[in-house]
Protein backbone atom coordinates (compact mmCIF):
# COMPACT_ATOMS: atom_id res chain seq x y z
CA UNK A 1 10.00 -14.21 65.81
CA UNK A 2 8.88 -10.91 66.95
CA UNK A 3 5.48 -9.65 66.05
CA UNK A 4 6.58 -6.38 64.47
CA UNK A 5 9.14 -8.26 62.26
CA UNK A 6 6.55 -10.71 61.09
CA UNK A 7 4.30 -10.43 58.13
CA UNK A 8 1.17 -10.61 60.42
CA UNK A 9 2.59 -7.58 62.51
CA UNK A 10 3.51 -5.61 59.46
CA UNK A 11 -0.03 -6.21 57.86
CA UNK A 12 -1.81 -5.27 61.19
CA UNK A 13 0.08 -2.13 61.58
CA UNK A 14 -0.40 -1.23 58.11
CA UNK A 15 -4.17 -1.78 58.16
CA UNK A 16 -4.37 0.18 61.56
CA UNK A 17 -2.42 3.17 60.39
CA UNK A 18 -4.03 3.28 56.86
CA UNK A 19 -7.67 2.97 58.42
CA UNK A 20 -6.66 5.49 61.19
CA UNK A 21 -5.32 8.08 58.72
CA UNK A 22 -8.40 7.56 56.26
CA UNK A 23 -10.82 8.09 59.26
CA UNK A 24 -8.99 11.04 60.52
CA UNK A 25 -8.96 12.70 57.10
CA UNK A 26 -12.81 11.59 56.51
CA UNK A 27 -13.82 12.96 60.02
CA UNK A 28 -12.28 16.47 59.26
CA UNK A 29 -13.84 16.54 55.83
CA UNK A 30 -17.18 15.41 57.08
CA UNK A 31 -17.32 17.95 59.91
CA UNK A 32 -16.24 20.70 57.73
CA UNK A 33 -19.00 19.63 55.07
CA UNK A 34 -21.66 19.50 57.75
CA UNK A 35 -20.84 22.64 59.37
CA UNK A 36 -20.81 24.39 55.76
CA UNK A 37 -23.91 22.53 54.58
CA UNK A 38 -25.91 23.72 57.85
CA UNK A 39 -24.75 27.28 57.40
CA UNK A 40 -25.58 27.20 53.53
CA UNK A 41 -29.03 25.63 54.18
CA UNK A 42 -29.86 28.16 56.98
CA UNK A 43 -28.56 31.06 54.74
CA UNK A 44 -30.82 29.81 51.95
CA UNK A 45 -33.76 29.40 54.08
CA UNK A 46 -33.39 32.78 55.74
CA UNK A 47 -32.96 34.46 52.39
CA UNK A 48 -35.96 32.88 50.82
CA UNK A 49 -38.08 33.91 53.97
CA UNK A 50 -36.82 37.31 53.80
CA UNK A 51 -37.77 37.64 50.01
CA UNK A 52 -41.11 36.31 50.80
CA UNK A 53 -41.87 38.76 53.54
CA UNK A 54 -40.76 41.65 51.20
CA UNK A 55 -43.13 40.30 48.45
CA UNK A 56 -45.86 39.83 50.89
CA UNK A 57 -45.62 43.40 52.17
CA UNK A 58 -45.65 44.64 48.60
CA UNK A 59 -48.78 42.69 47.65
CA UNK A 60 -50.81 43.22 50.84
CA UNK A 61 -51.57 46.24 53.26
CA UNK A 62 -49.51 46.74 56.25
CA UNK A 63 -51.47 44.84 59.04
CA UNK A 64 -52.15 41.82 56.70
CA UNK A 65 -48.87 41.70 55.47
CA UNK A 66 -47.23 41.80 59.00
CA UNK A 67 -49.39 39.15 60.25
CA UNK A 68 -48.50 36.83 57.49
CA UNK A 69 -44.84 37.61 57.79
CA UNK A 70 -44.85 36.83 61.43
CA UNK A 71 -46.34 33.49 60.56
CA UNK A 72 -43.38 32.58 58.43
CA UNK A 73 -40.78 32.77 60.88
CA UNK A 74 -40.26 30.01 63.70
CA UNK A 75 -39.23 30.68 67.46
CA UNK A 76 -35.51 30.83 66.85
CA UNK A 77 -35.77 33.37 63.94
CA UNK A 78 -36.19 37.08 64.21
CA UNK A 79 -37.35 39.64 61.66
CA UNK A 80 -36.89 43.35 61.48
CA UNK A 81 -38.97 45.31 58.99
CA UNK A 82 -37.87 48.80 58.42
CA UNK A 83 -39.85 51.18 56.13
CA UNK A 84 -38.34 54.39 57.31
CA UNK A 85 -36.32 56.10 60.06
CA UNK A 86 -39.34 56.01 62.20
CA UNK A 87 -41.36 53.18 61.03
CA UNK A 88 -40.00 49.70 61.84
CA UNK A 89 -41.31 46.33 63.19
CA UNK A 90 -39.87 43.48 65.21
CA UNK A 91 -41.19 39.91 65.03
CA UNK A 92 -43.12 38.96 68.31
CA UNK A 93 -41.18 35.98 69.17
CA UNK A 94 -42.10 34.36 72.56
CA UNK A 95 -38.54 33.03 73.39
CA UNK A 96 -35.56 35.07 74.77
CA UNK A 97 -34.41 35.68 71.25
CA UNK A 98 -32.23 38.85 71.31
CA UNK A 99 -32.98 42.00 69.25
CA UNK A 100 -30.65 43.77 67.01
CA UNK A 101 -30.72 47.66 67.44
CA UNK A 102 -31.44 49.69 64.38
CA UNK A 103 -28.23 51.86 64.95
CA UNK A 104 -26.18 48.52 64.53
CA UNK A 105 -27.95 47.90 61.19
CA UNK A 106 -27.51 51.57 59.93
CA UNK A 107 -23.97 51.92 61.25
CA UNK A 108 -22.37 48.43 60.12
CA UNK A 109 -20.70 48.99 56.60
CA UNK A 110 -21.77 45.57 55.29
CA UNK A 111 -25.47 45.83 56.52
CA UNK A 112 -26.10 49.34 55.48
CA UNK A 113 -25.48 48.44 51.86
CA UNK A 114 -28.92 47.17 51.58
CA UNK A 115 -30.20 50.90 52.07
CA UNK A 116 -27.55 52.87 50.12
CA UNK A 117 -26.88 50.30 47.29
CA UNK A 118 -30.40 48.52 47.44
CA UNK A 119 -28.96 44.96 47.27
CA UNK A 120 -29.32 41.97 49.49
CA UNK A 121 -26.73 41.58 52.10
CA UNK A 122 -25.56 38.84 54.68
CA UNK A 123 -23.29 38.77 57.62
CA UNK A 124 -22.17 36.37 60.32
CA UNK A 125 -21.80 38.48 63.52
CA UNK A 126 -20.98 38.02 67.26
CA UNK A 127 -22.50 41.30 68.28
CA UNK A 128 -25.83 41.85 69.65
CA UNK A 129 -27.25 43.96 72.56
CA UNK A 130 -29.50 43.00 75.55
CA UNK A 131 -29.92 45.55 78.29
CA UNK A 132 -27.03 47.45 76.59
CA UNK A 133 -24.65 44.71 77.27
CA UNK A 134 -22.27 43.54 74.49
CA UNK A 135 -21.97 39.71 74.22
CA UNK A 136 -19.90 38.00 71.64
CA UNK A 137 -21.13 34.29 71.78
CA UNK A 138 -22.92 32.65 70.22
CA UNK A 139 -22.71 34.01 66.55
CA UNK A 140 -25.76 34.88 64.55
CA UNK A 141 -26.49 34.88 60.79
CA UNK A 142 -28.00 38.18 59.48
CA UNK A 143 -29.77 38.48 55.96
CA UNK A 144 -30.99 41.70 54.67
CA UNK A 145 -33.08 42.40 51.55
CA UNK A 146 -34.42 45.71 50.18
CA UNK A 147 -38.02 46.40 50.17
CA UNK A 148 -39.49 47.30 46.70
CA UNK A 149 -39.46 50.99 45.90
CA UNK A 150 -43.25 51.10 45.74
CA UNK A 151 -43.34 50.14 49.34
CA UNK A 152 -40.70 52.01 50.84
CA UNK A 153 -37.49 53.75 49.30
CA UNK A 154 -35.33 53.15 52.29
CA UNK A 155 -37.04 50.08 53.41
CA UNK A 156 -35.56 46.63 53.99
CA UNK A 157 -36.31 43.27 55.69
CA UNK A 158 -33.65 41.91 58.01
CA UNK A 159 -33.85 38.25 59.33
CA UNK A 160 -31.27 36.87 61.64
CA UNK A 161 -30.88 33.66 63.63
CA UNK A 162 -28.41 32.36 66.17
CA UNK A 163 -26.02 29.69 65.05
CA UNK A 164 -26.12 27.80 68.36
CA UNK A 165 -28.59 25.33 67.06
CA UNK A 166 -26.21 24.39 64.35
CA UNK A 167 -23.33 24.00 66.70
CA UNK A 168 -25.14 21.57 68.65
CA UNK A 169 -25.86 19.47 65.56
CA UNK A 170 -22.30 19.60 64.59
CA UNK A 171 -21.16 18.36 68.08
CA UNK A 172 -23.81 15.64 67.90
CA UNK A 173 -22.44 14.71 64.38
CA UNK A 174 -18.79 14.81 65.54
CA UNK A 175 -19.66 12.29 68.55
CA UNK A 176 -21.33 9.90 66.12
CA UNK A 177 -18.29 10.01 63.73
CA UNK A 178 -15.72 9.35 66.41
CA UNK A 179 -17.62 6.49 67.67
CA UNK A 180 -17.90 5.06 64.39
CA UNK A 181 -13.97 5.46 63.87
CA UNK A 182 -13.29 3.76 67.07
CA UNK A 183 -15.53 0.68 66.02
CA UNK A 184 -13.97 0.63 62.65
CA UNK A 185 -10.30 0.47 64.25
CA UNK A 186 -11.34 -2.38 66.55
CA UNK A 187 -12.80 -4.35 63.69
CA UNK A 188 -9.85 -3.50 61.57
CA UNK A 189 -7.44 -4.86 64.16
CA UNK A 190 -9.48 -8.23 64.32
CA UNK A 191 -9.73 -8.39 60.53
CA UNK A 192 -6.03 -7.63 59.99
CA UNK A 193 -4.88 -10.57 62.26
CA UNK A 194 -7.20 -12.87 60.61
CA UNK A 195 -6.30 -12.02 57.18
CA UNK A 196 -2.53 -11.92 57.95
CA UNK A 197 -2.80 -15.53 59.28
CA UNK A 198 -4.78 -16.59 56.06
CA UNK A 199 -1.88 -15.01 54.00
CA UNK A 200 1.26 -16.09 55.84
CA UNK A 201 0.56 -19.70 55.58
CA UNK A 202 0.59 -20.20 51.78
CA UNK A 203 3.19 -17.36 51.41
CA UNK A 204 5.67 -19.67 53.33
CA UNK A 205 5.08 -22.53 50.92
CA UNK A 206 5.72 -20.13 48.04
CA UNK A 207 8.99 -19.06 49.63
CA UNK A 208 10.11 -22.67 49.52
CA UNK A 209 9.11 -22.84 45.93
CA UNK A 210 10.65 -19.55 45.05
CA UNK A 211 14.00 -21.06 46.81
CA UNK A 212 13.84 -24.12 44.64
CA UNK A 213 13.35 -21.94 41.40
CA UNK A 214 16.36 -19.78 42.28
CA UNK A 215 18.38 -23.00 42.19
CA UNK A 216 17.13 -23.86 38.71
CA UNK A 217 14.34 -26.11 39.55
CA UNK A 218 11.57 -24.63 37.57
CA UNK A 219 9.52 -27.71 37.80
CA UNK A 220 8.53 -26.99 41.58
CA UNK A 221 4.82 -26.37 42.01
CA UNK A 222 2.97 -24.59 44.64
CA UNK A 223 -0.09 -26.25 46.00
CA UNK A 224 -3.27 -23.96 45.79
CA UNK A 225 -6.40 -24.86 48.34
CA UNK A 226 -8.56 -21.78 47.39
CA UNK A 227 -9.61 -19.75 44.51
CA UNK A 228 -9.01 -16.32 46.03
CA UNK A 229 -6.13 -14.08 45.21
CA UNK A 230 -3.72 -16.32 47.11
CA UNK A 231 -4.87 -19.23 44.99
CA UNK A 232 -4.46 -17.24 42.02
CA UNK A 233 -0.95 -16.20 43.07
CA UNK A 234 -0.19 -19.89 43.52
CA UNK A 235 -1.45 -20.48 39.84
CA UNK A 236 0.37 -17.52 38.52
CA UNK A 237 3.50 -18.67 40.33
CA UNK A 238 3.23 -22.21 38.68
CA UNK A 239 2.48 -20.65 35.42
CA UNK A 240 5.49 -18.40 35.75
CA UNK A 241 7.81 -21.33 36.49
CA UNK A 242 6.53 -22.89 33.20
CA UNK A 243 7.10 -19.78 31.35
CA UNK A 244 10.53 -19.25 32.66
CA UNK A 245 11.50 -22.70 31.72
CA UNK A 246 10.11 -21.90 28.23
CA UNK A 247 11.84 -18.54 28.09
CA UNK A 248 15.25 -20.13 29.19
CA UNK A 249 14.96 -22.73 26.66
CA UNK A 250 14.07 -19.82 24.11
CA UNK A 251 16.97 -17.70 25.10
CA UNK A 252 19.35 -20.58 24.78
CA UNK A 253 18.04 -21.24 21.18
CA UNK A 254 18.19 -17.44 20.31
CA UNK A 255 21.74 -17.38 21.62
CA UNK A 256 22.76 -20.40 19.35
CA UNK A 257 21.00 -18.86 16.48
CA UNK A 258 22.74 -15.35 17.12
CA UNK A 259 25.98 -17.48 17.21
CA UNK A 260 25.24 -19.20 14.13
CA UNK A 261 24.53 -15.82 12.28
CA UNK A 262 27.66 -14.25 13.39
CA UNK A 263 29.54 -17.31 12.44
CA UNK A 264 27.86 -17.27 8.77
CA UNK A 265 28.30 -13.49 8.26
CA UNK A 266 30.98 -12.38 5.77
CA UNK A 267 31.57 -9.37 7.68
CA UNK A 268 33.68 -9.30 10.74
CA UNK A 269 31.79 -8.31 14.04
CA UNK A 270 33.17 -7.87 17.45
CA UNK A 271 31.91 -5.95 20.46
CA UNK A 272 33.91 -4.03 23.13
CA UNK A 273 33.07 -3.31 26.78
CA UNK A 274 33.07 0.18 28.03
CA UNK A 275 36.78 -0.69 29.19
CA UNK A 276 37.73 -1.59 25.65
CA UNK A 277 37.85 -5.35 26.28
CA UNK A 278 36.83 -7.47 23.36
CA UNK A 279 33.51 -9.61 24.43
CA UNK A 280 32.23 -11.22 21.32
CA UNK A 281 33.84 -11.88 17.90
CA UNK A 282 32.78 -14.02 14.80
CA UNK A 283 35.19 -16.07 12.55
CA UNK A 284 35.96 -13.19 10.09
CA UNK A 285 36.86 -10.92 13.04
CA UNK A 286 39.04 -13.75 14.47
CA UNK A 287 40.90 -13.94 11.09
CA UNK A 288 41.29 -10.29 10.98
CA UNK A 289 42.97 -10.15 14.58
CA UNK A 290 44.91 -13.25 13.73
CA UNK A 291 46.27 -11.63 10.54
CA UNK A 292 47.16 -8.50 12.67
CA UNK A 293 48.82 -10.60 15.32
CA UNK A 294 50.80 -12.41 12.77
CA UNK A 295 51.84 -9.21 10.96
CA UNK A 296 52.94 -7.81 14.43
CA UNK A 297 54.86 -10.92 15.08
CA UNK A 298 52.73 -11.74 18.15
CA UNK A 299 50.68 -14.76 17.58
CA UNK A 300 49.62 -15.63 21.10
CA UNK A 301 48.26 -12.33 22.74
CA UNK A 302 44.68 -11.08 21.59
CA UNK A 303 45.56 -7.58 20.81
CA UNK A 304 43.76 -4.83 18.69
CA UNK A 305 45.18 -2.53 16.20
CA UNK A 306 45.96 1.02 17.68
CA UNK A 307 43.70 2.55 15.11
CA UNK A 308 40.67 0.41 16.15
CA UNK A 309 41.38 1.48 19.73
CA UNK A 310 41.46 5.34 18.63
CA UNK A 311 38.03 4.67 16.95
CA UNK A 312 36.67 2.93 19.95
CA UNK A 313 37.61 5.79 22.18
CA UNK A 314 36.32 8.44 19.70
CA UNK A 315 33.01 6.52 19.40
CA UNK A 316 32.54 6.48 23.21
CA UNK A 317 33.53 10.05 23.77
CA UNK A 318 31.55 11.55 20.99
CA UNK A 319 28.77 9.12 20.98
CA UNK A 320 28.58 8.90 17.20
CA UNK A 321 29.71 6.50 14.59
CA UNK A 322 33.35 6.22 13.58
CA UNK A 323 34.47 5.04 10.17
CA UNK A 324 38.08 4.25 9.00
CA UNK A 325 40.21 2.00 6.72
CA UNK A 326 43.04 -0.07 7.87
CA UNK A 327 45.55 -2.34 5.82
CA UNK A 328 46.55 -5.56 7.22
CA UNK A 329 48.50 -8.27 5.29
CA UNK A 330 47.97 -6.39 2.03
CA UNK A 331 44.35 -6.36 2.31
CA UNK A 332 42.02 -3.29 2.73
CA UNK A 333 39.45 -3.35 5.55
CA UNK A 334 36.96 -0.82 6.35
CA UNK A 335 35.80 -0.55 9.98
CA UNK A 336 32.61 0.91 11.40
CA UNK A 337 32.34 1.38 15.16
CA UNK A 338 29.16 2.41 16.53
CA UNK A 339 28.40 2.99 20.53
CA UNK A 340 26.05 0.59 22.32
CA UNK A 341 23.59 2.26 24.77
CA UNK A 342 22.11 0.74 28.06
CA UNK A 343 19.15 2.95 28.45
CA UNK A 344 20.75 6.43 28.34
CA UNK A 345 24.36 5.46 28.96
CA UNK A 346 27.01 3.93 26.79
CA UNK A 347 27.83 0.41 27.75
CA UNK A 348 30.36 -0.33 24.97
CA UNK A 349 30.58 -0.42 21.01
CA UNK A 350 30.09 -2.75 18.29
CA UNK A 351 32.55 -2.85 15.23
CA UNK A 352 31.80 -4.29 11.99
CA UNK A 353 34.83 -4.75 9.39
CA UNK A 354 34.48 -5.58 5.80
CA UNK A 355 37.20 -6.76 3.39
CA UNK A 356 37.31 -4.19 0.57
CA UNK A 357 40.18 -5.45 -1.32
CA UNK A 358 38.33 -6.40 -4.47
CA UNK A 359 36.22 -3.09 -4.50
CA UNK A 360 39.54 -1.24 -4.15
CA UNK A 361 40.96 -3.18 -7.12
CA UNK A 362 37.88 -2.44 -9.23
CA UNK A 363 38.14 1.29 -8.23
CA UNK A 364 41.67 1.18 -9.43
CA UNK A 365 40.66 -0.68 -12.73
CA UNK A 366 38.27 2.20 -13.15
CA UNK A 367 40.82 4.82 -12.54
CA UNK A 368 43.17 2.92 -15.00
CA UNK A 369 40.62 3.18 -17.66
CA UNK A 370 41.86 6.38 -19.14
CA UNK A 371 45.31 5.38 -18.95
CA UNK A 372 44.50 2.06 -20.84
CA UNK A 373 42.66 4.08 -23.59
CA UNK A 374 45.66 6.31 -23.95
CA UNK A 375 47.92 3.43 -24.22
CA UNK A 376 45.84 1.63 -26.71
CA UNK A 377 45.52 4.92 -28.91
CA UNK A 378 49.00 5.96 -28.55
CA UNK A 379 50.58 3.01 -30.67
CA UNK A 380 48.30 3.29 -33.75
CA UNK A 381 48.56 7.23 -33.62
CA UNK A 382 52.32 7.05 -33.45
CA UNK A 383 52.63 4.48 -36.22
CA UNK A 384 50.03 6.55 -38.38
CA UNK A 385 52.16 9.77 -37.72
CA UNK A 386 55.55 7.97 -38.49
CA UNK A 387 54.50 6.44 -41.78
CA UNK A 388 52.59 9.46 -42.87
CA UNK A 389 55.63 11.74 -42.32
CA UNK A 390 57.72 9.18 -44.39
CA UNK A 391 55.37 9.54 -47.29
CA UNK A 392 55.17 13.15 -46.95
CA UNK A 393 59.20 13.49 -46.73
CA UNK A 394 59.56 11.05 -49.74
CA UNK A 395 61.49 8.68 -47.54
CA UNK A 396 59.69 5.76 -49.28
CA UNK A 397 61.67 5.40 -52.41
CA UNK A 398 59.30 3.26 -54.41
CA UNK A 399 55.63 3.13 -55.21
CA UNK A 400 55.60 -0.21 -53.59
CA UNK A 401 56.94 1.12 -50.36
CA UNK A 402 54.37 3.83 -50.37
CA UNK A 403 51.52 1.49 -50.79
CA UNK A 404 53.01 -0.56 -47.78
CA UNK A 405 53.00 2.40 -45.61
CA UNK A 406 49.60 3.49 -46.74
CA UNK A 407 48.29 -0.04 -45.92
CA UNK A 408 49.96 0.25 -42.46
CA UNK A 409 48.21 3.54 -41.85
CA UNK A 410 44.85 2.09 -43.00
CA UNK A 411 45.19 -0.82 -40.78
CA UNK A 412 45.96 1.32 -37.66
CA UNK A 413 42.99 3.51 -38.57
CA UNK A 414 40.72 0.45 -38.77
CA UNK A 415 42.08 -0.66 -35.33
CA UNK A 416 41.26 2.90 -33.93
CA UNK A 417 37.89 2.79 -35.34
CA UNK A 418 37.28 -0.69 -33.61
CA UNK A 419 38.44 0.55 -30.47
CA UNK A 420 36.23 3.65 -30.45
CA UNK A 421 33.30 1.61 -31.63
CA UNK A 422 33.77 -1.03 -28.83
CA UNK A 423 34.14 1.74 -26.27
CA UNK A 424 30.82 3.23 -27.30
CA UNK A 425 29.03 -0.35 -27.27
CA UNK A 426 30.38 -0.86 -23.68
CA UNK A 427 29.24 2.53 -22.51
CA UNK A 428 25.80 1.92 -24.04
CA UNK A 429 25.74 -1.57 -22.54
CA UNK A 430 26.74 -0.47 -19.00
CA UNK A 431 24.26 2.47 -19.17
CA UNK A 432 21.48 -0.12 -19.88
CA UNK A 433 20.80 1.14 -23.38
CA UNK A 434 21.62 -2.16 -25.18
CA UNK A 435 18.73 -3.11 -27.34
CA UNK A 436 17.88 -6.96 -27.87
CA UNK A 437 16.11 -8.23 -30.90
CA UNK A 438 15.11 -11.68 -29.49
CA UNK A 439 14.06 -14.37 -31.97
CA UNK A 440 13.35 -18.23 -31.75
CA UNK A 441 16.57 -19.44 -33.22
CA UNK A 442 17.38 -22.99 -34.46
CA UNK A 443 20.75 -23.33 -32.68
CA UNK A 444 22.41 -26.12 -34.67
CA UNK A 445 22.45 -24.36 -38.06
CA UNK A 446 23.23 -20.97 -36.36
CA UNK A 447 26.47 -22.30 -34.72
CA UNK A 448 27.31 -24.18 -37.96
CA UNK A 449 27.10 -20.66 -39.75
CA UNK A 450 29.43 -18.96 -37.51
CA UNK A 451 32.10 -21.82 -37.47
CA UNK A 452 31.99 -21.92 -41.25
CA UNK A 453 33.22 -18.27 -41.45
CA UNK A 454 36.45 -19.20 -39.39
CA UNK A 455 37.31 -22.30 -41.39
CA UNK A 456 39.49 -20.38 -43.79
CA UNK A 457 41.48 -18.72 -40.84
CA UNK A 458 41.62 -21.97 -39.10
CA UNK A 459 43.24 -23.74 -42.00
CA UNK A 460 45.58 -20.98 -42.71
CA UNK A 461 46.94 -21.37 -39.08
CA UNK A 462 46.76 -25.11 -39.40
CA UNK A 463 44.24 -25.46 -36.50
CA UNK A 464 41.48 -27.99 -36.55
CA UNK A 465 38.08 -26.08 -35.84
CA UNK A 466 35.17 -28.38 -35.09
CA UNK A 467 31.77 -28.30 -33.74
CA UNK A 468 30.19 -30.70 -31.17
CA UNK A 469 26.43 -30.37 -31.71
CA UNK A 470 23.39 -32.25 -30.29
CA UNK A 471 21.55 -34.32 -32.87
CA UNK A 472 18.22 -33.16 -32.06
CA UNK A 473 16.99 -29.63 -33.03
CA UNK A 474 17.38 -27.35 -30.26
CA UNK A 475 15.50 -23.83 -30.26
CA UNK A 476 16.38 -20.90 -27.95
CA UNK A 477 15.25 -17.42 -27.77
CA UNK A 478 18.00 -14.73 -28.04
CA UNK A 479 19.33 -11.77 -30.10
CA UNK A 480 21.17 -13.50 -33.13
CA UNK A 481 23.28 -10.64 -34.13
CA UNK A 482 24.59 -10.13 -30.54
CA UNK A 483 25.22 -13.92 -29.70
CA UNK A 484 27.02 -14.00 -33.16
CA UNK A 485 29.12 -11.10 -32.02
CA UNK A 486 29.90 -12.91 -28.71
CA UNK A 487 30.84 -16.30 -30.45
CA UNK A 488 32.86 -14.53 -33.10
CA UNK A 489 35.05 -12.85 -30.42
CA UNK A 490 35.35 -16.26 -28.54
CA UNK A 491 36.43 -18.19 -31.53
CA UNK A 492 38.60 -15.41 -32.88
CA UNK A 493 40.40 -15.34 -29.67
CA UNK A 494 40.76 -19.14 -29.22
CA UNK A 495 42.18 -19.49 -32.92
CA UNK A 496 44.53 -16.59 -32.53
CA UNK A 497 45.96 -18.02 -29.09
CA UNK A 498 46.19 -21.60 -30.18
CA UNK A 499 49.51 -22.83 -31.66
CA UNK A 500 49.68 -24.66 -34.98
CA UNK A 501 48.56 -28.25 -34.81
CA UNK A 502 46.05 -27.49 -32.11
CA UNK A 503 42.26 -27.56 -32.09
CA UNK A 504 39.28 -25.33 -31.26
CA UNK A 505 36.02 -27.03 -30.47
CA UNK A 506 32.58 -25.23 -30.37
CA UNK A 507 29.96 -27.30 -28.34
CA UNK A 508 26.32 -26.83 -27.69
CA UNK A 509 23.90 -28.64 -25.19
CA UNK A 510 20.62 -27.80 -23.50
CA UNK A 511 18.61 -28.80 -20.67
CA UNK A 512 15.54 -27.67 -18.82
CA UNK A 513 17.13 -24.57 -17.49
CA UNK A 514 18.49 -23.28 -20.73
CA UNK A 515 21.10 -23.36 -23.44
CA UNK A 516 25.00 -23.96 -22.85
CA UNK A 517 27.46 -22.91 -25.60
CA UNK A 518 31.34 -23.70 -25.01
CA UNK A 519 34.37 -22.70 -26.93
CA UNK A 520 37.32 -24.87 -26.10
CA UNK A 521 40.82 -24.46 -27.22
CA UNK A 522 44.10 -26.32 -26.73
CA UNK A 523 46.19 -23.12 -26.38
CA UNK A 524 48.60 -21.99 -23.59
CA UNK A 525 45.95 -21.08 -21.12
CA UNK A 526 45.56 -18.36 -18.58
CA UNK A 527 47.31 -17.85 -15.33
CA UNK A 528 45.13 -18.45 -12.41
CA UNK A 529 45.82 -15.04 -10.80
CA UNK A 530 44.53 -13.48 -14.15
CA UNK A 531 41.22 -15.42 -14.37
CA UNK A 532 39.25 -13.16 -12.27
CA UNK A 533 39.94 -10.08 -14.51
CA UNK A 534 39.70 -11.45 -18.02
CA UNK A 535 36.28 -9.84 -18.40
CA UNK A 536 37.60 -6.43 -17.43
CA UNK A 537 38.07 -3.69 -20.07
CA UNK A 538 41.60 -3.67 -21.75
CA UNK A 539 42.58 -7.05 -20.14
CA UNK A 540 45.30 -8.87 -22.28
CA UNK A 541 47.04 -11.92 -21.21
CA UNK A 542 50.08 -11.23 -23.62
CA UNK A 543 52.44 -12.66 -20.89
CA UNK A 544 51.03 -16.01 -20.97
CA UNK A 545 49.09 -16.45 -24.17
CA UNK A 546 51.49 -16.12 -27.06
CA UNK A 547 49.87 -14.31 -29.99
CA UNK A 548 50.41 -15.17 -33.59
CA UNK A 549 51.00 -12.64 -36.21
CA UNK A 550 47.91 -10.69 -37.23
CA UNK A 551 45.89 -7.75 -35.99
CA UNK A 552 46.28 -6.73 -32.36
CA UNK A 553 43.06 -6.84 -30.07
CA UNK A 554 41.74 -4.05 -28.10
CA UNK A 555 41.07 -5.80 -25.05
CA UNK A 556 37.51 -4.94 -25.02
CA UNK A 557 36.00 -7.92 -26.72
CA UNK A 558 35.37 -10.08 -23.61
CA UNK A 559 33.94 -7.11 -21.66
CA UNK A 560 31.49 -6.57 -24.57
CA UNK A 561 30.63 -10.12 -24.47
CA UNK A 562 30.03 -10.29 -20.82
CA UNK A 563 27.56 -7.22 -21.12
CA UNK A 564 25.80 -9.03 -23.98
CA UNK A 565 25.31 -12.28 -22.15
CA UNK A 566 24.26 -10.36 -18.82
CA UNK A 567 21.59 -8.44 -21.07
CA UNK A 568 20.10 -11.85 -21.77
CA UNK A 569 20.22 -12.56 -17.96
CA UNK A 570 22.75 -15.35 -18.63
CA UNK A 571 26.14 -16.04 -17.48
CA UNK A 572 29.75 -16.40 -19.08
CA UNK A 573 32.44 -18.18 -17.36
CA UNK A 574 35.93 -19.12 -18.13
CA UNK A 575 38.15 -22.16 -17.15
CA UNK A 576 41.92 -22.54 -17.93
CA UNK A 577 45.12 -24.11 -16.97
CA UNK A 578 48.56 -23.21 -18.17
CA UNK A 579 49.55 -25.34 -21.00
CA UNK A 580 46.30 -27.30 -21.37
CA UNK A 581 43.92 -24.72 -22.98
CA UNK A 582 41.10 -22.58 -22.16
CA UNK A 583 37.18 -23.14 -22.00
CA UNK A 584 34.72 -20.29 -22.27
CA UNK A 585 30.99 -21.29 -21.15
CA UNK A 586 27.99 -19.23 -22.18
CA UNK A 587 24.61 -20.06 -20.42
CA UNK A 588 21.41 -18.60 -21.67
CA UNK A 589 18.37 -19.35 -19.52
CA UNK A 590 15.17 -20.72 -21.38
CA UNK A 591 13.06 -17.72 -20.00
CA UNK A 592 15.04 -14.57 -20.38
CA UNK A 593 12.31 -12.03 -21.01
């Protein structure tokens, strides 16, 4: 394997390039820093010295002040003290330091501001004069401060120094930095080869372990011989293998759990890919698709209704939820399709379908309510109008005929009154305005009293009315008037729908949960398709349960009974078979407060 393609070569090149780049940047920054630092320090030193000289000249007389001022400067620094056009002094340095001419100080735009604006000035210049020759190298730093007005109005102190000393210091610093960089690069090369060798050996073992894990063997362990980062990496890899195995098992369990949830849902669920292909379905969705395929006469191909595909396309294109209703095999299905996102992009859609057939039937029953009320009122109103017209027009010839017609009108008015009162009761109950006055009731005498009221009617119809009650006393908490209303309705219905020679039994039993009362008759029974609707308003089973002569019911009694039992937090159910009779069961829980 070539060096540059190996981990050793790559790490060595990486370290070398990184260290070289860092050292290059660091060298530039250090050189810039030292150069600026020396200039700043020199500038501050010269400024402080110039201010001290100006203060000394103010506090002492001329000779003493000049003597002290010359002591403050070194051999590489020159001072010019100007007190007027004709009075100026140069520092007596012994070296070959140059002297700036006064004309340069007065003519330079930046430096003469110390005279005109009475403020400190500074400048880095490459101009100075020696024997009237112009020399541009090296640069000099010039600092000027004004003298106090008490000493001289146009006076100033100029102090300047060559930057050659700083340049020599910078060059020396550069040599040391470059030497250190070279040593660092050599040491980096040695260190990179050593570190690369130490890293590649355990990495090879990790490569083997990763290959085994890629094949599904998560029990592979990587040996770790040290406690450094490589050893910690091996430990982390072993921990990752255990965690991956745990996560794979958890994902498998979650997948099974999700499949169980989807299978147990009452609503149908299926997901689409972005291309409209079905990916996942649950049993209700499968039944929906099967019914659709059966309706289309194609039971072998897994097809989707065109309306569903239109909703899917709309959901993907508009990126919004789509709702529609579809009819399959006589049942109404409501479908909601929502887009599925993968980060910011749509990756498909999920559809939820719900069988709304019963809800639609209930909606139809509610819509038929007014029609049923009108139908119930139309017959008594027509009879009352007809008989009243007969009386008014003197069609009834005898007084007995008139009384008979009046009695019919009276009976029909009572029927209308019962209908209106029962409608008002149902409206109040369904609005939650039913008021219950609960009492602790001894059930046995309570039921006997109700049954006794119907004994006369039962004998008249040649029907045997009996009660089957527990011998022990049973007490229960309920509203006696309301429960009596329920039992009265059930017993009356049972007698009116039981042929002569039949029997009606009222039974009672109790357990830990509550009280159970049943009204059993041996009448004609109720068809199975009508059983779910017997508690609906205006339900009448005239087609199957032959009525005997007597008053006609309103079809609201069972609806009122159900509302009363619901208010007691109980249940009322019905069981019936054609030709074998009907059983209504009432359950009142023991704790219904």
